[in-house]
Protein backbone atom coordinates (compact mmCIF):
# COMPACT_ATOMS: atom_id res chain seq x y z
CA MET A 1 -0.21 0.01 -0.28
CA SER A 2 1.40 3.43 -0.56
CA LYS A 3 1.80 5.64 1.76
CA SER A 4 -0.66 8.49 0.64
CA LYS A 5 -3.22 5.28 0.75
CA GLU A 6 -2.58 4.29 4.30
CA LYS A 7 -5.02 5.31 7.16
CA LYS A 8 -3.87 8.35 8.82
CA ILE A 9 -4.03 9.33 12.03
CA VAL A 10 -5.91 12.24 14.01
CA VAL A 11 -4.93 12.80 17.40
CA ALA A 12 -7.48 15.14 19.24
CA ASN A 13 -5.94 16.89 22.53
CA TRP A 14 -8.47 18.68 24.16
CA LYS A 15 -6.26 20.32 26.99
CA MET A 16 -7.96 21.65 29.57
CA ASN A 17 -11.31 22.25 27.85
CA PRO A 18 -14.58 22.37 27.66
CA SER A 19 -15.31 23.43 30.82
CA GLY A 20 -18.57 21.69 31.44
CA ILE A 21 -19.88 17.82 30.60
CA GLU A 22 -22.82 19.47 28.22
CA GLU A 23 -20.65 21.21 26.02
CA ALA A 24 -18.26 18.10 25.95
CA ASN A 25 -20.82 15.68 24.79
CA GLU A 26 -21.70 18.03 22.27
CA ILE A 27 -17.76 17.82 20.87
CA PHE A 28 -17.96 14.27 21.28
CA SER A 29 -21.13 14.10 19.24
CA ALA A 30 -20.09 16.27 16.70
CA ILE A 31 -17.00 14.31 16.45
CA LYS A 32 -18.35 10.97 16.05
CA LYS A 33 -20.58 11.93 12.75
CA SER A 34 -17.35 13.39 11.57
CA ALA A 35 -15.48 10.30 12.27
CA LYS A 36 -17.84 8.23 9.97
CA ARG A 37 -17.30 9.81 7.17
CA ALA A 38 -13.32 9.74 7.77
CA LYS A 39 -12.83 6.64 6.31
CA ASN A 40 -9.24 7.17 5.44
CA ALA A 41 -8.41 8.66 9.31
CA THR A 42 -8.22 6.81 12.41
CA VAL A 43 -9.43 9.91 14.79
CA VAL A 44 -8.24 9.24 18.74
CA VAL A 45 -9.91 11.61 21.20
CA CYS A 46 -7.73 12.94 24.13
CA PRO A 47 -10.20 14.50 26.21
CA PRO A 48 -9.52 15.45 30.10
CA PHE A 49 -9.76 13.02 32.51
CA THR A 50 -13.13 13.65 34.04
CA TYR A 51 -14.89 13.43 30.49
CA LEU A 52 -13.32 10.04 29.02
CA HIS A 53 -16.49 7.70 30.92
CA SER A 54 -18.99 9.67 29.90
CA ALA A 55 -16.72 9.20 26.23
CA LYS A 56 -16.55 5.43 26.90
CA LYS A 57 -20.76 5.13 26.87
CA LEU A 58 -21.18 7.76 23.68
CA TYR A 59 -18.47 6.18 21.79
CA ALA A 60 -19.22 2.53 22.02
CA LYS A 61 -19.27 0.50 18.91
CA SER A 62 -18.01 3.49 16.84
CA ASN A 63 -14.86 3.93 14.68
CA ILE A 64 -13.07 6.34 17.33
CA ALA A 65 -10.64 5.48 19.86
CA LEU A 66 -10.01 7.13 23.33
CA GLY A 67 -6.99 8.17 24.30
CA ALA A 68 -5.45 10.30 27.91
CA GLN A 69 -3.07 13.88 27.65
CA ASP A 70 -0.73 12.34 30.78
CA VAL A 71 -0.21 9.03 33.00
CA PHE A 72 2.37 8.00 36.21
CA TRP A 73 4.87 5.56 35.74
CA GLN A 74 3.10 3.67 38.46
CA ASN A 75 0.31 1.45 39.52
CA SER A 76 -0.84 2.37 42.48
CA GLY A 77 0.09 3.85 46.05
CA PRO A 78 0.53 7.40 47.81
CA TYR A 79 0.90 9.75 44.31
CA THR A 80 -1.60 12.42 44.68
CA GLY A 81 -3.66 13.67 42.02
CA GLU A 82 -1.95 11.11 39.93
CA ILE A 83 -3.47 8.42 37.44
CA SER A 84 -2.07 5.06 36.90
CA PRO A 85 -2.01 3.33 33.38
CA GLY A 86 -4.81 0.63 34.29
CA MET A 87 -6.86 3.40 35.67
CA LEU A 88 -6.53 5.05 31.58
CA LYS A 89 -7.44 1.47 30.33
CA ASP A 90 -10.30 1.10 32.61
CA SER A 91 -11.61 4.61 31.78
CA GLY A 92 -11.26 3.43 28.19
CA ALA A 93 -8.36 5.14 26.92
CA LYS A 94 -6.89 3.15 24.27
CA TYR A 95 -3.97 5.46 23.96
CA VAL A 96 -2.08 8.20 25.90
CA ILE A 97 -0.08 11.85 24.79
CA VAL A 98 3.61 11.23 26.74
CA GLY A 99 6.22 14.99 26.78
CA HIS A 100 3.47 17.43 25.37
CA SER A 101 5.56 20.93 25.61
CA GLU A 102 2.88 21.83 27.66
CA ARG A 103 3.90 18.97 30.41
CA ARG A 104 7.02 19.90 29.73
CA THR A 105 6.83 22.77 30.88
CA LEU A 106 5.32 21.71 34.23
CA PHE A 107 8.32 20.13 35.17
CA ASP A 108 8.16 17.02 32.97
CA THR A 109 11.81 16.45 32.26
CA ASP A 110 13.11 13.66 29.34
CA GLU A 111 14.16 11.19 32.75
CA ILE A 112 9.98 11.53 33.84
CA VAL A 113 8.86 11.61 30.34
CA CYS A 114 11.35 8.35 29.76
CA LYS A 115 9.38 6.59 32.87
CA LYS A 116 5.93 7.64 31.55
CA VAL A 117 6.52 6.31 27.95
CA GLY A 118 7.89 2.85 29.23
CA ALA A 119 5.06 2.84 31.87
CA ALA A 120 2.06 3.24 29.10
CA ILE A 121 3.75 1.39 26.57
CA ARG A 122 4.28 -2.16 28.68
CA SER A 123 0.80 -1.32 30.33
CA GLY A 124 -0.28 -1.94 26.12
CA LEU A 125 -1.37 2.03 26.12
CA VAL A 126 -0.15 3.38 22.05
CA THR A 127 2.15 5.80 23.50
CA VAL A 128 2.21 9.33 22.11
CA LEU A 129 5.70 10.62 22.51
CA CYS A 130 5.66 14.13 21.53
CA VAL A 131 9.10 16.13 20.46
CA GLY A 132 10.24 19.03 19.44
CA GLU A 133 12.73 21.92 19.65
CA SER A 134 11.83 25.57 21.01
CA ALA A 135 13.36 27.54 18.46
CA ARG A 136 15.47 26.87 15.17
CA ASP A 137 18.73 27.89 15.01
CA GLY A 138 20.67 28.08 11.79
CA ASP A 139 23.55 26.21 12.82
CA GLY A 140 21.13 23.50 13.10
CA LYS A 141 21.58 22.39 16.58
CA TYR A 142 18.33 21.46 16.78
CA PHE A 143 18.75 18.20 14.76
CA GLN A 144 21.26 17.15 18.10
CA PHE A 145 19.00 18.15 20.37
CA LEU A 146 15.59 16.22 18.69
CA LYS A 147 17.87 13.69 18.68
CA GLU A 148 18.70 13.10 22.38
CA GLN A 149 15.30 14.30 23.19
CA ILE A 150 13.95 11.03 21.68
CA LEU A 151 16.62 8.85 22.53
CA SER A 152 16.48 9.67 26.21
CA SER A 153 12.64 9.04 26.21
CA LEU A 154 12.79 5.77 24.51
CA LYS A 155 15.69 4.39 27.16
CA GLY A 156 15.43 1.06 27.97
CA LEU A 157 12.97 -0.03 25.44
CA GLN A 158 12.92 -2.88 23.40
CA LYS A 159 12.37 -2.85 19.26
CA ARG A 160 9.09 -4.96 20.25
CA HIS A 161 7.78 -2.13 22.45
CA LEU A 162 8.01 0.40 19.48
CA GLU A 163 4.62 -1.86 18.21
CA LYS A 164 3.12 0.78 20.74
CA LEU A 165 4.68 4.26 19.34
CA ILE A 166 3.81 7.15 17.89
CA ILE A 167 5.97 10.17 17.51
CA ALA A 168 4.35 13.63 16.99
CA TYR A 169 6.93 16.17 16.11
CA GLU A 170 5.36 19.46 17.93
CA PRO A 171 8.04 22.51 17.33
CA ILE A 172 7.55 25.10 19.95
CA TRP A 173 7.82 27.86 18.22
CA ALA A 174 5.23 26.51 15.66
CA ILE A 175 2.19 26.29 18.32
CA GLY A 176 -0.66 28.14 20.01
CA LYS A 177 -2.47 30.76 18.22
CA ASP A 178 0.36 33.06 18.87
CA ALA A 179 3.03 31.24 16.75
CA LYS A 180 4.10 33.40 14.37
CA ASN A 181 5.42 30.74 11.86
CA SER A 182 3.83 27.38 11.38
CA ILE A 183 6.64 24.89 9.46
CA LEU A 184 6.65 24.62 5.57
CA PRO A 185 6.21 21.23 4.76
CA ARG A 186 10.01 20.53 3.31
CA ASP A 187 11.39 21.83 6.16
CA LEU A 188 8.57 19.17 7.89
CA HIS A 189 10.01 16.36 5.50
CA GLU A 190 13.47 17.03 6.48
CA ILE A 191 12.13 16.07 10.27
CA VAL A 192 10.60 13.18 9.47
CA ILE A 193 13.73 11.77 7.64
CA LEU A 194 15.41 12.91 10.54
CA ILE A 195 13.76 10.39 13.14
CA ARG A 196 12.93 7.86 11.16
CA LYS A 197 17.20 7.34 10.70
CA ILE A 198 17.32 8.77 14.56
CA LEU A 199 15.28 5.31 15.08
CA SER A 200 16.95 3.09 12.20
CA ASP A 201 20.18 3.55 13.70
CA HIS A 202 18.94 2.45 17.26
CA TYR A 203 16.37 -0.13 16.48
CA LYS A 204 16.75 -0.76 12.88
CA ALA A 205 15.47 -0.32 9.62
CA ALA A 206 12.60 -2.18 9.61
CA VAL A 207 11.17 -0.99 12.96
CA ALA A 208 11.59 2.53 12.57
CA SER A 209 9.78 2.07 9.10
CA ARG A 210 6.89 1.04 11.38
CA VAL A 211 6.38 4.06 13.94
CA LYS A 212 3.60 6.61 12.74
CA ILE A 213 5.26 10.03 12.93
CA LEU A 214 2.33 12.85 13.30
CA TYR A 215 2.76 16.96 13.46
CA GLY A 216 0.94 19.32 15.90
CA GLY A 217 1.34 22.90 15.31
CA SER A 218 -1.03 25.02 14.04
CA VAL A 219 -2.93 22.36 11.82
CA ALA A 220 -5.80 23.64 10.61
CA ALA A 221 -8.12 22.46 6.90
CA THR A 222 -5.95 25.31 5.24
CA ASN A 223 -2.50 23.09 5.55
CA ALA A 224 -3.73 19.63 6.28
CA ALA A 225 -3.73 18.15 3.24
CA GLU A 226 -0.38 20.41 1.76
CA LEU A 227 1.20 19.23 5.19
CA LEU A 228 0.43 15.46 5.10
CA LEU A 229 1.19 15.16 1.25
CA GLN A 230 4.19 17.11 0.83
CA GLY A 231 5.46 16.65 4.55
CA ASN A 232 5.13 12.98 4.59
CA VAL A 233 3.81 12.25 7.96
CA ASP A 234 1.45 9.99 9.12
CA GLY A 235 -1.29 12.44 10.57
CA PHE A 236 -1.97 14.57 13.22
CA ILE A 237 -2.06 16.01 16.80
CA VAL A 238 -4.44 18.77 17.12
CA GLY A 239 -5.09 20.90 19.71
CA ARG A 240 -7.41 24.26 19.44
CA GLU A 241 -9.20 22.90 16.07
CA SER A 242 -10.23 20.14 18.11
CA LEU A 243 -13.06 21.73 19.97
CA SER A 244 -14.13 23.71 16.70
CA LYS A 245 -17.19 21.19 15.55
CA GLU A 246 -17.07 22.74 11.91
CA GLY A 247 -13.28 23.28 12.18
CA PHE A 248 -12.38 19.74 12.83
CA ASP A 249 -14.67 18.24 10.33
CA LYS A 250 -13.42 19.98 7.70
CA MET A 251 -9.65 19.03 8.59
CA LEU A 252 -10.94 15.39 9.08
CA GLY A 253 -12.05 16.06 5.31
CA ALA A 254 -8.13 16.88 4.28
CA CYS A 255 -7.29 13.56 5.21
CA LEU A 256 -9.60 11.94 2.57
């Protein structure tokens, strides 16, 4: 199967939104309708923890998968406020986002991200590892930064574990409504090649070729098709656009 015909992955990261369950259910329902038409996309919805049970009921027997926005690396114990991999699975989650740039600003170090990735993958959760540089430099030092970030996050994992791994490239300089620049498709393609080389050098080419690579950073219906085709990514991780019923529907349409 050619890459253009492979099923794309679209991860909806709601972050700390919306403010109430009624609005959440409205967005859940809208995404359910959109996903029915998006036959060429695997849609993963990652709401706040408190909405997972509601989504589990609504999405039963649908083609939508549920995910969480973070996870802790222990299964149980005196860890106030944390959520274990087992709890997420019991709530209906099959995916989990780890290492998002917003979590990293809240003290998720590479060491902590590594613990979370390992715990999530070993529990059977498909793990979306987020990586990305804060700024670009003319000397290309961000290439080395990405390499170190990826390898430190995967430390201790074997080749078999990568079957449950997705890497999401989210350059911090391109994220959010105030981002001054969005990535060019050719630059994104360059990063995809780099990530596959890093994985290939460490785990062998056959393993690296099977890892899905997503992009996150000001993705919308207006640029999704171009980023998919020319950027050579396997899908997207989407923030604010995933809360817009019309915007997310159009963006999924670009994946057809």
